[in-house]
Amino acid sequence: MFCRECGAARPDLTVACAVCGAPPSSPPRYAIPEEPAAVQWEPPSQPPETLYTAHEERPFIPLLPAEDAASSAPLTAKAYFTMLFLLWIPLVNLVAAIFWACERGGNRNRRSLARAWLLWCGIGTALIAAAYFIISALLAAALGPEFTNLFDVIYNTLFVS
């Protein structure tokens, strides 16, 4: 047996502990854990035909409301091909992308693709404008005061000379 206070070996619990001096009837400083009770298996509350095993497919439970499930359905390859084809046609692409991006009841995937395409168009336009101004500034510094416009330089170089 062991002392309840210090844990030292104690052959007789009726005598005080030789290590810590705990009296024989002192209550423990901490609770001694008891042996856990054996867990009893209980049969399932449902009949076996409604239980699923690991290899069976469980029924689909949608996470979105029913009215929103149709708008989040994946687009087919034909729908993507049609969208990308329309986005290659100048001016039609801008109108179609704005329509699809602002559409509320339409497909989420189509709306996201249109918004991403509009974002890329905006980034591309900003990069082209920045390149135009940088090249214009470099040509103005190289050609001097007679330089007025980048388009004038290109026109004079190609058609007048």
N, C-alpha and C. Protein backbone atom coordinates (compact mmCIF):
# COMPACT_ATOMS: atom_id res chain seq x y z
N MET A 1 0.83 -1.17 0.00
CA MET A 1 0.00 0.00 0.00
C MET A 1 0.88 1.23 0.00
N PHE A 2 0.25 2.37 -0.36
CA PHE A 2 0.99 3.61 -0.50
C PHE A 2 0.34 4.71 0.32
N CYS A 3 1.16 5.67 0.71
CA CYS A 3 0.67 6.82 1.46
C CYS A 3 -0.16 7.70 0.55
N ARG A 4 -1.28 8.17 1.05
CA ARG A 4 -2.17 9.02 0.25
C ARG A 4 -1.64 10.44 0.11
N GLU A 5 -0.73 10.87 0.92
CA GLU A 5 -0.20 12.23 0.89
C GLU A 5 1.02 12.34 -0.02
N CYS A 6 1.99 11.46 0.16
CA CYS A 6 3.24 11.59 -0.60
C CYS A 6 3.46 10.47 -1.60
N GLY A 7 2.71 9.40 -1.52
CA GLY A 7 2.83 8.32 -2.47
C GLY A 7 3.91 7.31 -2.13
N ALA A 8 4.56 7.45 -0.97
CA ALA A 8 5.62 6.52 -0.58
C ALA A 8 5.00 5.18 -0.19
N ALA A 9 5.81 4.12 -0.32
CA ALA A 9 5.35 2.78 0.06
C ALA A 9 5.10 2.75 1.56
N ARG A 10 3.97 2.22 1.96
CA ARG A 10 3.56 2.20 3.37
C ARG A 10 2.97 0.83 3.64
N PRO A 11 3.66 -0.03 4.34
CA PRO A 11 3.16 -1.38 4.54
C PRO A 11 1.90 -1.43 5.40
N ASP A 12 1.77 -0.52 6.31
CA ASP A 12 0.62 -0.56 7.22
C ASP A 12 -0.03 0.81 7.25
N LEU A 13 -1.30 0.91 6.83
CA LEU A 13 -2.00 2.20 6.80
C LEU A 13 -2.49 2.63 8.18
N THR A 14 -2.36 1.77 9.16
CA THR A 14 -2.80 2.13 10.51
C THR A 14 -1.73 2.88 11.27
N VAL A 15 -0.52 2.95 10.72
CA VAL A 15 0.60 3.65 11.35
C VAL A 15 0.89 4.89 10.51
N ALA A 16 1.42 5.95 11.17
CA ALA A 16 1.77 7.18 10.46
C ALA A 16 2.85 6.91 9.42
N CYS A 17 2.85 7.70 8.36
CA CYS A 17 3.82 7.54 7.26
C CYS A 17 5.20 7.92 7.75
N ALA A 18 6.20 7.12 7.39
CA ALA A 18 7.57 7.37 7.83
C ALA A 18 8.21 8.50 7.02
N VAL A 19 7.71 8.80 5.81
CA VAL A 19 8.32 9.81 4.95
C VAL A 19 7.75 11.19 5.24
N CYS A 20 6.41 11.34 5.20
CA CYS A 20 5.80 12.66 5.36
C CYS A 20 5.16 12.85 6.73
N GLY A 21 4.98 11.82 7.46
CA GLY A 21 4.39 11.91 8.78
C GLY A 21 2.89 12.03 8.78
N ALA A 22 2.23 11.67 7.69
CA ALA A 22 0.77 11.76 7.60
C ALA A 22 0.14 10.80 8.59
N PRO A 23 -0.88 11.25 9.33
CA PRO A 23 -1.54 10.36 10.28
C PRO A 23 -2.27 9.24 9.55
N PRO A 24 -2.53 8.17 10.24
CA PRO A 24 -3.16 7.02 9.58
C PRO A 24 -4.56 7.32 9.03
N SER A 25 -5.30 8.23 9.61
CA SER A 25 -6.67 8.46 9.17
C SER A 25 -6.83 9.75 8.36
N SER A 26 -5.74 10.33 7.85
CA SER A 26 -5.85 11.59 7.12
C SER A 26 -6.53 11.38 5.76
N PRO A 27 -7.39 12.31 5.37
CA PRO A 27 -8.01 12.19 4.04
C PRO A 27 -6.98 12.52 2.96
N PRO A 28 -7.16 12.01 1.78
CA PRO A 28 -6.18 12.27 0.71
C PRO A 28 -6.21 13.74 0.26
N ARG A 29 -5.03 14.22 -0.17
CA ARG A 29 -4.92 15.58 -0.68
C ARG A 29 -5.55 15.71 -2.07
N TYR A 30 -5.56 14.68 -2.79
CA TYR A 30 -6.14 14.65 -4.13
C TYR A 30 -6.93 13.35 -4.27
N ALA A 31 -7.87 13.38 -5.20
CA ALA A 31 -8.71 12.21 -5.38
C ALA A 31 -7.95 11.13 -6.12
N ILE A 32 -8.02 9.95 -5.64
CA ILE A 32 -7.39 8.82 -6.31
C ILE A 32 -8.38 8.31 -7.36
N PRO A 33 -7.95 8.25 -8.61
CA PRO A 33 -8.88 7.79 -9.64
C PRO A 33 -9.26 6.33 -9.44
N GLU A 34 -10.51 6.08 -9.66
CA GLU A 34 -11.00 4.71 -9.54
C GLU A 34 -10.90 4.02 -10.88
N GLU A 35 -11.00 2.75 -10.84
CA GLU A 35 -10.98 1.97 -12.06
C GLU A 35 -12.20 2.33 -12.90
N PRO A 36 -12.03 2.62 -14.18
CA PRO A 36 -13.20 2.94 -14.99
C PRO A 36 -14.09 1.73 -15.16
N ALA A 37 -15.36 1.98 -15.17
CA ALA A 37 -16.32 0.89 -15.35
C ALA A 37 -16.24 0.40 -16.79
N ALA A 38 -16.45 -0.86 -16.97
CA ALA A 38 -16.43 -1.42 -18.31
C ALA A 38 -17.58 -0.85 -19.13
N VAL A 39 -17.27 -0.48 -20.36
CA VAL A 39 -18.27 0.09 -21.24
C VAL A 39 -19.10 -1.03 -21.84
N GLN A 40 -20.38 -0.90 -21.69
CA GLN A 40 -21.28 -1.91 -22.22
C GLN A 40 -21.75 -1.49 -23.61
N TRP A 41 -21.69 -2.43 -24.55
CA TRP A 41 -22.17 -2.15 -25.90
C TRP A 41 -23.68 -2.19 -25.92
N GLU A 42 -24.27 -1.15 -26.59
CA GLU A 42 -25.72 -1.12 -26.72
C GLU A 42 -26.07 -1.26 -28.19
N PRO A 43 -27.10 -2.00 -28.49
CA PRO A 43 -27.49 -2.13 -29.89
C PRO A 43 -28.02 -0.80 -30.42
N PRO A 44 -27.91 -0.57 -31.74
CA PRO A 44 -28.40 0.70 -32.31
C PRO A 44 -29.90 0.84 -32.12
N SER A 45 -30.32 2.11 -32.02
CA SER A 45 -31.74 2.37 -31.81
C SER A 45 -32.54 2.28 -33.11
N GLN A 46 -31.86 2.36 -34.27
CA GLN A 46 -32.55 2.28 -35.56
C GLN A 46 -32.46 0.86 -36.09
N PRO A 47 -33.42 0.48 -36.90
CA PRO A 47 -33.32 -0.85 -37.53
C PRO A 47 -32.13 -0.89 -38.50
N PRO A 48 -31.57 -2.05 -38.73
CA PRO A 48 -30.36 -2.17 -39.56
C PRO A 48 -30.52 -1.64 -40.98
N GLU A 49 -31.70 -1.66 -41.56
CA GLU A 49 -31.84 -1.20 -42.95
C GLU A 49 -31.66 0.31 -43.10
N THR A 50 -31.75 1.07 -42.02
CA THR A 50 -31.56 2.52 -42.12
C THR A 50 -30.14 2.95 -41.74
N LEU A 51 -29.31 2.03 -41.28
CA LEU A 51 -27.93 2.36 -40.96
C LEU A 51 -27.08 2.23 -42.21
N TYR A 52 -26.00 3.00 -42.28
CA TYR A 52 -25.11 2.98 -43.43
C TYR A 52 -23.78 2.40 -43.02
N THR A 53 -23.21 1.63 -43.91
CA THR A 53 -21.86 1.13 -43.67
C THR A 53 -20.88 2.07 -44.36
N ALA A 54 -19.61 1.84 -44.16
CA ALA A 54 -18.58 2.75 -44.68
C ALA A 54 -18.57 2.80 -46.20
N HIS A 55 -18.91 1.73 -46.88
CA HIS A 55 -18.82 1.70 -48.34
C HIS A 55 -20.11 2.13 -49.02
N GLU A 56 -21.18 2.30 -48.29
CA GLU A 56 -22.44 2.71 -48.90
C GLU A 56 -22.45 4.22 -49.12
N GLU A 57 -23.15 4.64 -50.15
CA GLU A 57 -23.26 6.07 -50.43
C GLU A 57 -24.42 6.63 -49.62
N ARG A 58 -24.14 7.72 -48.94
CA ARG A 58 -25.17 8.36 -48.13
C ARG A 58 -25.98 9.31 -49.00
N PRO A 59 -27.20 9.60 -48.63
CA PRO A 59 -28.01 10.51 -49.46
C PRO A 59 -27.43 11.92 -49.43
N PHE A 60 -27.60 12.64 -50.55
CA PHE A 60 -27.09 14.01 -50.67
C PHE A 60 -27.98 14.95 -49.88
N ILE A 61 -27.38 15.74 -49.03
CA ILE A 61 -28.11 16.75 -48.26
C ILE A 61 -27.56 18.10 -48.67
N PRO A 62 -28.31 18.91 -49.41
CA PRO A 62 -27.78 20.20 -49.88
C PRO A 62 -27.52 21.13 -48.71
N LEU A 63 -26.43 21.89 -48.80
CA LEU A 63 -26.08 22.85 -47.77
C LEU A 63 -26.70 24.21 -48.04
N LEU A 64 -27.14 24.43 -49.28
CA LEU A 64 -27.73 25.71 -49.65
C LEU A 64 -29.24 25.59 -49.68
N PRO A 65 -29.94 26.69 -49.57
CA PRO A 65 -31.40 26.63 -49.73
C PRO A 65 -31.77 26.12 -51.12
N ALA A 66 -32.97 25.58 -51.24
CA ALA A 66 -33.39 24.95 -52.50
C ALA A 66 -33.40 25.94 -53.66
N GLU A 67 -33.80 27.20 -53.44
CA GLU A 67 -33.85 28.15 -54.53
C GLU A 67 -32.46 28.55 -55.01
N ASP A 68 -31.45 28.39 -54.16
CA ASP A 68 -30.09 28.76 -54.53
C ASP A 68 -29.32 27.59 -55.11
N ALA A 69 -29.82 26.37 -54.96
CA ALA A 69 -29.12 25.19 -55.45
C ALA A 69 -29.02 25.19 -56.97
N ALA A 70 -30.03 25.68 -57.67
CA ALA A 70 -29.99 25.71 -59.13
C ALA A 70 -28.97 26.72 -59.62
N SER A 71 -28.79 27.83 -58.92
CA SER A 71 -27.84 28.84 -59.38
C SER A 71 -26.40 28.44 -59.11
N SER A 72 -26.18 27.44 -58.26
CA SER A 72 -24.80 27.02 -57.99
C SER A 72 -24.45 25.71 -58.68
N ALA A 73 -25.31 25.24 -59.55
CA ALA A 73 -25.02 24.01 -60.29
C ALA A 73 -23.82 24.27 -61.21
N PRO A 74 -22.95 23.29 -61.38
CA PRO A 74 -21.78 23.50 -62.24
C PRO A 74 -22.18 23.68 -63.70
N LEU A 75 -21.43 24.53 -64.39
CA LEU A 75 -21.68 24.73 -65.82
C LEU A 75 -21.13 23.56 -66.62
N THR A 76 -21.75 23.30 -67.73
CA THR A 76 -21.27 22.22 -68.60
C THR A 76 -20.12 22.75 -69.45
N ALA A 77 -19.43 21.84 -70.12
CA ALA A 77 -18.34 22.23 -71.01
C ALA A 77 -18.87 23.09 -72.15
N LYS A 78 -20.07 22.78 -72.62
CA LYS A 78 -20.68 23.57 -73.70
C LYS A 78 -20.94 25.01 -73.24
N ALA A 79 -21.41 25.16 -72.01
CA ALA A 79 -21.67 26.51 -71.49
C ALA A 79 -20.37 27.30 -71.35
N TYR A 80 -19.31 26.66 -70.86
CA TYR A 80 -18.02 27.34 -70.76
C TYR A 80 -17.49 27.70 -72.15
N PHE A 81 -17.59 26.78 -73.09
CA PHE A 81 -17.12 27.05 -74.44
C PHE A 81 -17.86 28.24 -75.04
N THR A 82 -19.18 28.28 -74.86
CA THR A 82 -19.97 29.39 -75.39
C THR A 82 -19.58 30.71 -74.73
N MET A 83 -19.39 30.67 -73.43
CA MET A 83 -18.99 31.90 -72.73
C MET A 83 -17.64 32.40 -73.21
N LEU A 84 -16.68 31.51 -73.29
CA LEU A 84 -15.34 31.92 -73.73
C LEU A 84 -15.34 32.39 -75.18
N PHE A 85 -16.14 31.77 -76.01
CA PHE A 85 -16.25 32.21 -77.41
C PHE A 85 -16.80 33.63 -77.47
N LEU A 86 -17.86 33.91 -76.70
CA LEU A 86 -18.42 35.27 -76.69
C LEU A 86 -17.46 36.28 -76.08
N LEU A 87 -16.62 35.85 -75.16
CA LEU A 87 -15.66 36.78 -74.55
C LEU A 87 -14.48 37.09 -75.47
N TRP A 88 -14.34 36.38 -76.59
CA TRP A 88 -13.28 36.68 -77.55
C TRP A 88 -13.74 37.71 -78.59
N ILE A 89 -15.02 37.96 -78.72
CA ILE A 89 -15.53 38.89 -79.73
C ILE A 89 -15.50 40.31 -79.15
N PRO A 90 -14.79 41.24 -79.80
CA PRO A 90 -14.70 42.60 -79.27
C PRO A 90 -16.08 43.25 -79.12
N LEU A 91 -16.24 44.06 -78.13
CA LEU A 91 -17.45 44.79 -77.73
C LEU A 91 -18.56 43.86 -77.24
N VAL A 92 -18.77 42.73 -77.91
CA VAL A 92 -19.75 41.77 -77.41
C VAL A 92 -19.26 41.24 -76.06
N ASN A 93 -17.95 41.03 -75.95
CA ASN A 93 -17.39 40.50 -74.71
C ASN A 93 -17.65 41.44 -73.54
N LEU A 94 -17.50 42.73 -73.76
CA LEU A 94 -17.70 43.68 -72.67
C LEU A 94 -19.15 43.72 -72.23
N VAL A 95 -20.07 43.76 -73.20
CA VAL A 95 -21.51 43.79 -72.87
C VAL A 95 -21.92 42.49 -72.18
N ALA A 96 -21.50 41.35 -72.72
CA ALA A 96 -21.87 40.06 -72.14
C ALA A 96 -21.28 39.90 -70.73
N ALA A 97 -20.02 40.31 -70.55
CA ALA A 97 -19.39 40.16 -69.24
C ALA A 97 -20.07 41.05 -68.20
N ILE A 98 -20.42 42.26 -68.57
CA ILE A 98 -21.11 43.14 -67.62
C ILE A 98 -22.48 42.56 -67.28
N PHE A 99 -23.19 42.05 -68.28
CA PHE A 99 -24.51 41.45 -68.04
C PHE A 99 -24.40 40.25 -67.10
N TRP A 100 -23.45 39.34 -67.39
CA TRP A 100 -23.30 38.14 -66.57
C TRP A 100 -22.81 38.48 -65.15
N ALA A 101 -21.93 39.48 -65.04
CA ALA A 101 -21.38 39.83 -63.72
C ALA A 101 -22.44 40.47 -62.83
N CYS A 102 -23.39 41.19 -63.41
CA CYS A 102 -24.41 41.89 -62.62
C CYS A 102 -25.69 41.07 -62.44
N GLU A 103 -25.78 39.95 -63.10
CA GLU A 103 -26.98 39.11 -63.05
C GLU A 103 -27.15 38.49 -61.66
N ARG A 104 -28.32 38.65 -61.06
CA ARG A 104 -28.56 38.14 -59.71
C ARG A 104 -29.11 36.72 -59.69
N GLY A 105 -30.02 36.38 -60.55
CA GLY A 105 -30.64 35.06 -60.51
C GLY A 105 -29.91 34.01 -61.32
N GLY A 106 -28.82 34.39 -61.98
CA GLY A 106 -28.12 33.46 -62.86
C GLY A 106 -27.17 32.54 -62.11
N ASN A 107 -26.42 31.80 -62.87
CA ASN A 107 -25.51 30.82 -62.33
C ASN A 107 -24.31 31.50 -61.67
N ARG A 108 -23.95 31.03 -60.49
CA ARG A 108 -22.82 31.62 -59.75
C ARG A 108 -21.50 31.45 -60.48
N ASN A 109 -21.31 30.31 -61.12
CA ASN A 109 -20.06 30.06 -61.83
C ASN A 109 -19.90 31.02 -63.00
N ARG A 110 -20.98 31.25 -63.74
CA ARG A 110 -20.95 32.19 -64.86
C ARG A 110 -20.66 33.60 -64.35
N ARG A 111 -21.31 33.97 -63.24
CA ARG A 111 -21.12 35.30 -62.66
C ARG A 111 -19.67 35.48 -62.20
N SER A 112 -19.10 34.46 -61.57
CA SER A 112 -17.72 34.55 -61.10
C SER A 112 -16.73 34.64 -62.25
N LEU A 113 -16.96 33.85 -63.30
CA LEU A 113 -16.07 33.91 -64.46
C LEU A 113 -16.14 35.27 -65.12
N ALA A 114 -17.33 35.85 -65.24
CA ALA A 114 -17.48 37.16 -65.86
C ALA A 114 -16.80 38.24 -65.01
N ARG A 115 -16.93 38.14 -63.71
CA ARG A 115 -16.28 39.13 -62.83
C ARG A 115 -14.76 39.00 -62.92
N ALA A 116 -14.25 37.79 -62.97
CA ALA A 116 -12.81 37.59 -63.10
C ALA A 116 -12.31 38.14 -64.45
N TRP A 117 -13.08 37.91 -65.50
CA TRP A 117 -12.68 38.41 -66.82
C TRP A 117 -12.69 39.93 -66.83
N LEU A 118 -13.68 40.57 -66.22
CA LEU A 118 -13.71 42.04 -66.14
C LEU A 118 -12.54 42.57 -65.33
N LEU A 119 -12.16 41.86 -64.29
CA LEU A 119 -11.01 42.26 -63.49
C LEU A 119 -9.73 42.19 -64.31
N TRP A 120 -9.57 41.11 -65.08
CA TRP A 120 -8.39 40.99 -65.94
C TRP A 120 -8.39 42.07 -67.01
N CYS A 121 -9.55 42.41 -67.56
CA CYS A 121 -9.62 43.49 -68.55
C CYS A 121 -9.21 44.82 -67.93
N GLY A 122 -9.65 45.07 -66.72
CA GLY A 122 -9.26 46.31 -66.03
C GLY A 122 -7.77 46.37 -65.77
N ILE A 123 -7.20 45.25 -65.32
CA ILE A 123 -5.75 45.20 -65.08
C ILE A 123 -4.99 45.40 -66.38
N GLY A 124 -5.44 44.74 -67.45
CA GLY A 124 -4.78 44.89 -68.75
C GLY A 124 -4.85 46.32 -69.27
N THR A 125 -6.00 46.97 -69.13
CA THR A 125 -6.15 48.35 -69.58
C THR A 125 -5.22 49.27 -68.78
N ALA A 126 -5.14 49.06 -67.48
CA ALA A 126 -4.25 49.88 -66.66
C ALA A 126 -2.79 49.68 -67.05
N LEU A 127 -2.38 48.44 -67.33
CA LEU A 127 -1.00 48.19 -67.74
C LEU A 127 -0.69 48.81 -69.10
N ILE A 128 -1.62 48.75 -70.03
CA ILE A 128 -1.41 49.35 -71.34
C ILE A 128 -1.31 50.88 -71.22
N ALA A 129 -2.18 51.48 -70.41
CA ALA A 129 -2.12 52.93 -70.21
C ALA A 129 -0.79 53.33 -69.55
N ALA A 130 -0.35 52.55 -68.57
CA ALA A 130 0.93 52.86 -67.92
C ALA A 130 2.08 52.73 -68.90
N ALA A 131 2.08 51.70 -69.73
CA ALA A 131 3.12 51.53 -70.73
C ALA A 131 3.11 52.68 -71.74
N TYR A 132 1.93 53.16 -72.15
CA TYR A 132 1.82 54.28 -73.09
C TYR A 132 2.46 55.54 -72.50
N PHE A 133 2.15 55.85 -71.24
CA PHE A 133 2.69 57.05 -70.63
C PHE A 133 4.19 56.94 -70.38
N ILE A 134 4.68 55.76 -70.04
CA ILE A 134 6.12 55.58 -69.82
C ILE A 134 6.87 55.72 -71.14
N ILE A 135 6.37 55.09 -72.20
CA ILE A 135 7.02 55.20 -73.51
C ILE A 135 6.95 56.62 -74.02
N SER A 136 5.83 57.31 -73.83
CA SER A 136 5.71 58.71 -74.24
C SER A 136 6.72 59.58 -73.51
N ALA A 137 6.88 59.36 -72.22
CA ALA A 137 7.84 60.15 -71.45
C ALA A 137 9.27 59.88 -71.91
N LEU A 138 9.59 58.61 -72.20
CA LEU A 138 10.93 58.29 -72.68
C LEU A 138 11.21 58.91 -74.04
N LEU A 139 10.24 58.87 -74.95
CA LEU A 139 10.41 59.47 -76.27
C LEU A 139 10.50 60.99 -76.18
N ALA A 140 9.74 61.60 -75.29
CA ALA A 140 9.81 63.05 -75.12
C ALA A 140 11.18 63.45 -74.61
N ALA A 141 11.75 62.66 -73.74
CA ALA A 141 13.09 62.97 -73.24
C ALA A 141 14.14 62.76 -74.31
N ALA A 142 13.94 61.76 -75.19
CA ALA A 142 14.93 61.46 -76.23
C ALA A 142 14.82 62.39 -77.42
N LEU A 143 13.60 62.77 -77.84
CA LEU A 143 13.41 63.56 -79.05
C LEU A 143 13.38 65.07 -78.81
N GLY A 144 13.17 65.48 -77.60
CA GLY A 144 13.21 66.90 -77.29
C GLY A 144 11.87 67.57 -77.44
N PRO A 145 11.88 68.91 -77.63
CA PRO A 145 10.64 69.70 -77.61
C PRO A 145 9.73 69.48 -78.82
N GLU A 146 10.25 68.95 -79.93
CA GLU A 146 9.38 68.75 -81.10
C GLU A 146 8.45 67.55 -80.94
N PHE A 147 8.69 66.73 -79.95
CA PHE A 147 7.81 65.58 -79.70
C PHE A 147 6.52 66.07 -79.05
N THR A 148 5.38 65.72 -79.66
CA THR A 148 4.09 66.13 -79.11
C THR A 148 3.29 64.95 -78.61
N ASN A 149 3.31 63.85 -79.36
CA ASN A 149 2.45 62.73 -79.03
C ASN A 149 3.07 61.46 -79.56
N LEU A 150 2.88 60.37 -78.88
CA LEU A 150 3.40 59.08 -79.32
C LEU A 150 2.80 58.68 -80.65
N PHE A 151 1.53 58.96 -80.85
CA PHE A 151 0.88 58.61 -82.11
C PHE A 151 1.45 59.42 -83.27
N ASP A 152 1.82 60.68 -83.00
CA ASP A 152 2.45 61.49 -84.05
C ASP A 152 3.81 60.92 -84.44
N VAL A 153 4.57 60.47 -83.48
CA VAL A 153 5.87 59.89 -83.77
C VAL A 153 5.71 58.63 -84.60
N ILE A 154 4.78 57.77 -84.22
CA ILE A 154 4.55 56.53 -84.98
C ILE A 154 4.06 56.84 -86.39
N TYR A 155 3.15 57.80 -86.54
CA TYR A 155 2.63 58.16 -87.87
C TYR A 155 3.73 58.74 -88.73
N ASN A 156 4.51 59.65 -88.17
CA ASN A 156 5.60 60.27 -88.94
C ASN A 156 6.67 59.26 -89.32
N THR A 157 6.95 58.32 -88.44
CA THR A 157 7.94 57.30 -88.74
C THR A 157 7.48 56.35 -89.83
N LEU A 158 6.23 55.96 -89.79
CA LEU A 158 5.74 54.97 -90.74
C LEU A 158 5.30 55.56 -92.08
N PHE A 159 4.65 56.72 -92.06
CA PHE A 159 3.99 57.18 -93.30
C PHE A 159 4.62 58.43 -93.91
N VAL A 160 5.25 59.28 -93.18
CA VAL A 160 5.77 60.53 -93.73
C VAL A 160 7.19 60.36 -94.21
N SER A 161 8.02 59.63 -93.51
CA SER A 161 9.45 59.53 -93.86
C SER A 161 9.66 58.83 -95.15
